């Protein structure tokens, strides 16, 4: 489930998805709400980290079949 922040820069709809804020917002380094979220979440890795997935074709280990 996605987490949301209250963005003080957005007037009409201040609720914003954290992933959008991380990817697009140029003010995230100075945003108190985003910094607080980063501290709360810590260094938790996402459930699916694409860097950890290795294709079987590219995997150098021989299969044991």
N, C-alpha and C. Protein backbone atom coordinates (compact mmCIF):
# COMPACT_ATOMS: atom_id res chain seq x y z
N UNK A 1 0.83 -1.17 0.00
CA UNK A 1 0.00 0.00 0.00
C UNK A 1 0.88 1.24 0.00
N UNK A 2 0.52 2.23 -0.73
CA UNK A 2 1.32 3.44 -0.87
C UNK A 2 1.14 4.36 0.33
N UNK A 3 2.21 5.07 0.64
CA UNK A 3 2.17 6.08 1.69
C UNK A 3 1.97 7.44 1.06
N UNK A 4 1.34 8.33 1.82
CA UNK A 4 1.05 9.66 1.32
C UNK A 4 1.60 10.71 2.26
N UNK A 5 1.95 11.85 1.70
CA UNK A 5 2.42 13.01 2.46
C UNK A 5 1.45 14.16 2.27
N UNK A 6 1.50 15.10 3.19
CA UNK A 6 0.75 16.34 3.04
C UNK A 6 1.72 17.37 2.49
N UNK A 7 1.54 17.76 1.26
CA UNK A 7 2.45 18.70 0.59
C UNK A 7 1.93 20.13 0.77
N UNK A 8 2.75 20.98 1.37
CA UNK A 8 2.34 22.37 1.60
C UNK A 8 2.42 23.21 0.34
N UNK A 9 3.08 22.73 -0.69
CA UNK A 9 3.20 23.47 -1.94
C UNK A 9 2.01 23.27 -2.87
N UNK A 10 1.27 22.20 -2.68
CA UNK A 10 0.09 21.94 -3.50
C UNK A 10 -1.14 22.49 -2.79
N UNK A 11 -1.85 23.37 -3.44
CA UNK A 11 -3.00 24.03 -2.80
C UNK A 11 -4.31 23.27 -2.99
N UNK A 12 -4.59 22.80 -4.18
CA UNK A 12 -5.87 22.18 -4.48
C UNK A 12 -6.00 20.79 -3.86
N UNK A 13 -4.99 19.94 -4.07
CA UNK A 13 -5.01 18.58 -3.56
C UNK A 13 -3.66 18.31 -2.89
N UNK A 14 -3.53 18.61 -1.60
CA UNK A 14 -2.22 18.55 -0.95
C UNK A 14 -1.72 17.15 -0.64
N UNK A 15 -2.55 16.13 -0.79
CA UNK A 15 -2.11 14.76 -0.52
C UNK A 15 -1.35 14.24 -1.74
N UNK A 16 -0.11 13.77 -1.51
CA UNK A 16 0.73 13.31 -2.62
C UNK A 16 1.37 11.98 -2.25
N UNK A 17 1.48 11.11 -3.21
CA UNK A 17 2.13 9.81 -3.02
C UNK A 17 3.63 10.04 -2.82
N UNK A 18 4.21 9.31 -1.89
CA UNK A 18 5.63 9.46 -1.58
C UNK A 18 6.51 9.14 -2.79
N UNK A 19 6.11 8.15 -3.56
CA UNK A 19 6.91 7.77 -4.73
C UNK A 19 6.97 8.89 -5.75
N UNK A 20 5.88 9.63 -5.93
CA UNK A 20 5.88 10.76 -6.86
C UNK A 20 6.76 11.87 -6.31
N UNK A 21 6.67 12.09 -5.01
CA UNK A 21 7.50 13.11 -4.38
C UNK A 21 8.99 12.77 -4.54
N UNK A 22 9.36 11.53 -4.35
CA UNK A 22 10.76 11.11 -4.48
C UNK A 22 11.25 11.29 -5.91
N UNK A 23 10.42 11.00 -6.87
CA UNK A 23 10.84 11.02 -8.27
C UNK A 23 10.82 12.41 -8.89
N UNK A 24 9.84 13.24 -8.54
CA UNK A 24 9.64 14.48 -9.29
C UNK A 24 9.86 15.77 -8.52
N UNK A 25 9.75 15.76 -7.22
CA UNK A 25 9.78 17.02 -6.47
C UNK A 25 11.21 17.53 -6.30
N UNK A 26 11.43 18.77 -6.69
CA UNK A 26 12.76 19.36 -6.55
C UNK A 26 12.96 19.97 -5.16
N UNK A 27 11.91 20.02 -4.36
CA UNK A 27 11.98 20.61 -3.02
C UNK A 27 12.08 19.56 -1.92
N UNK A 28 12.22 18.29 -2.27
CA UNK A 28 12.19 17.24 -1.26
C UNK A 28 13.34 17.31 -0.26
N UNK A 29 14.46 17.89 -0.65
CA UNK A 29 15.59 18.00 0.27
C UNK A 29 15.33 18.99 1.40
N UNK A 30 14.49 19.98 1.16
CA UNK A 30 14.19 20.98 2.17
C UNK A 30 12.80 20.82 2.77
N UNK A 31 12.08 19.80 2.37
CA UNK A 31 10.70 19.59 2.83
C UNK A 31 10.71 18.85 4.18
N UNK A 32 10.10 19.47 5.19
CA UNK A 32 10.06 18.87 6.53
C UNK A 32 9.23 17.59 6.54
N UNK A 33 8.13 17.57 5.82
CA UNK A 33 7.26 16.40 5.78
C UNK A 33 7.98 15.20 5.14
N UNK A 34 8.69 15.44 4.04
CA UNK A 34 9.42 14.36 3.37
C UNK A 34 10.58 13.86 4.23
N UNK A 35 11.29 14.78 4.90
CA UNK A 35 12.41 14.38 5.76
C UNK A 35 11.91 13.53 6.94
N UNK A 36 10.77 13.91 7.50
CA UNK A 36 10.18 13.14 8.59
C UNK A 36 9.78 11.74 8.11
N UNK A 37 9.25 11.66 6.90
CA UNK A 37 8.89 10.35 6.34
C UNK A 37 10.14 9.49 6.16
N UNK A 38 11.20 10.06 5.65
CA UNK A 38 12.45 9.32 5.45
C UNK A 38 12.99 8.79 6.78
N UNK A 39 12.92 9.58 7.84
CA UNK A 39 13.38 9.13 9.15
C UNK A 39 12.50 8.02 9.70
N UNK A 40 11.19 8.13 9.51
CA UNK A 40 10.27 7.10 9.98
C UNK A 40 10.47 5.78 9.24
N UNK A 41 10.68 5.87 7.95
CA UNK A 41 10.77 4.64 7.15
C UNK A 41 12.14 3.98 7.28
N UNK A 42 13.17 4.74 7.63
CA UNK A 42 14.50 4.16 7.79
C UNK A 42 15.06 3.68 6.47
N UNK A 43 15.80 2.61 6.52
CA UNK A 43 16.42 2.05 5.32
C UNK A 43 15.70 0.79 4.87
N UNK A 44 14.39 0.80 4.91
CA UNK A 44 13.63 -0.35 4.47
C UNK A 44 13.72 -0.48 2.96
N UNK A 45 13.99 -1.67 2.51
CA UNK A 45 14.03 -1.89 1.08
C UNK A 45 12.62 -2.17 0.57
N UNK A 46 12.35 -1.83 -0.67
CA UNK A 46 11.04 -2.14 -1.22
C UNK A 46 10.85 -3.65 -1.33
N UNK A 47 9.61 -4.05 -1.43
CA UNK A 47 9.30 -5.48 -1.51
C UNK A 47 9.94 -6.11 -2.74
N UNK A 48 9.89 -5.41 -3.84
CA UNK A 48 10.46 -5.92 -5.08
C UNK A 48 11.55 -4.97 -5.54
N UNK A 49 12.78 -5.38 -5.37
CA UNK A 49 13.91 -4.58 -5.79
C UNK A 49 14.43 -5.17 -7.09
N UNK A 50 14.26 -4.45 -8.17
CA UNK A 50 14.60 -4.99 -9.49
C UNK A 50 16.10 -5.22 -9.65
N UNK A 51 16.92 -4.55 -8.85
CA UNK A 51 18.37 -4.76 -8.94
C UNK A 51 18.78 -6.11 -8.39
N UNK A 52 17.95 -6.72 -7.54
CA UNK A 52 18.28 -8.01 -6.95
C UNK A 52 17.86 -9.19 -7.83
N UNK A 53 17.05 -8.93 -8.82
CA UNK A 53 16.55 -9.98 -9.68
C UNK A 53 17.53 -10.20 -10.83
N UNK A 54 17.97 -11.42 -11.00
CA UNK A 54 18.89 -11.76 -12.09
C UNK A 54 18.18 -12.71 -13.04
N UNK A 55 18.23 -12.38 -14.29
CA UNK A 55 17.61 -13.22 -15.30
C UNK A 55 18.30 -14.58 -15.34
N UNK A 56 17.56 -15.68 -15.52
CA UNK A 56 18.19 -17.00 -15.60
C UNK A 56 19.16 -17.11 -16.77
N UNK A 57 18.92 -16.35 -17.82
CA UNK A 57 19.83 -16.40 -18.97
C UNK A 57 21.16 -15.76 -18.61
N UNK A 58 21.13 -14.72 -17.80
CA UNK A 58 22.34 -14.01 -17.43
C UNK A 58 23.01 -14.55 -16.17
N UNK A 59 22.37 -15.49 -15.50
CA UNK A 59 22.90 -16.02 -14.28
C UNK A 59 24.12 -16.91 -14.59
N UNK A 60 25.29 -16.61 -14.05
CA UNK A 60 26.49 -17.38 -14.35
C UNK A 60 26.55 -18.74 -13.68
N UNK A 61 25.71 -18.98 -12.70
CA UNK A 61 25.74 -20.26 -12.00
C UNK A 61 25.06 -21.34 -12.83
N UNK A 62 25.64 -22.49 -12.87
CA UNK A 62 25.06 -23.61 -13.64
C UNK A 62 23.87 -24.18 -12.89
N UNK A 63 22.85 -24.59 -13.62
CA UNK A 63 21.69 -25.17 -12.96
C UNK A 63 22.03 -26.60 -12.52
N UNK A 64 21.32 -27.07 -11.51
CA UNK A 64 21.61 -28.40 -10.94
C UNK A 64 20.65 -29.45 -11.45
N UNK A 65 19.98 -29.20 -12.55
CA UNK A 65 19.02 -30.18 -13.09
C UNK A 65 19.70 -31.21 -13.89
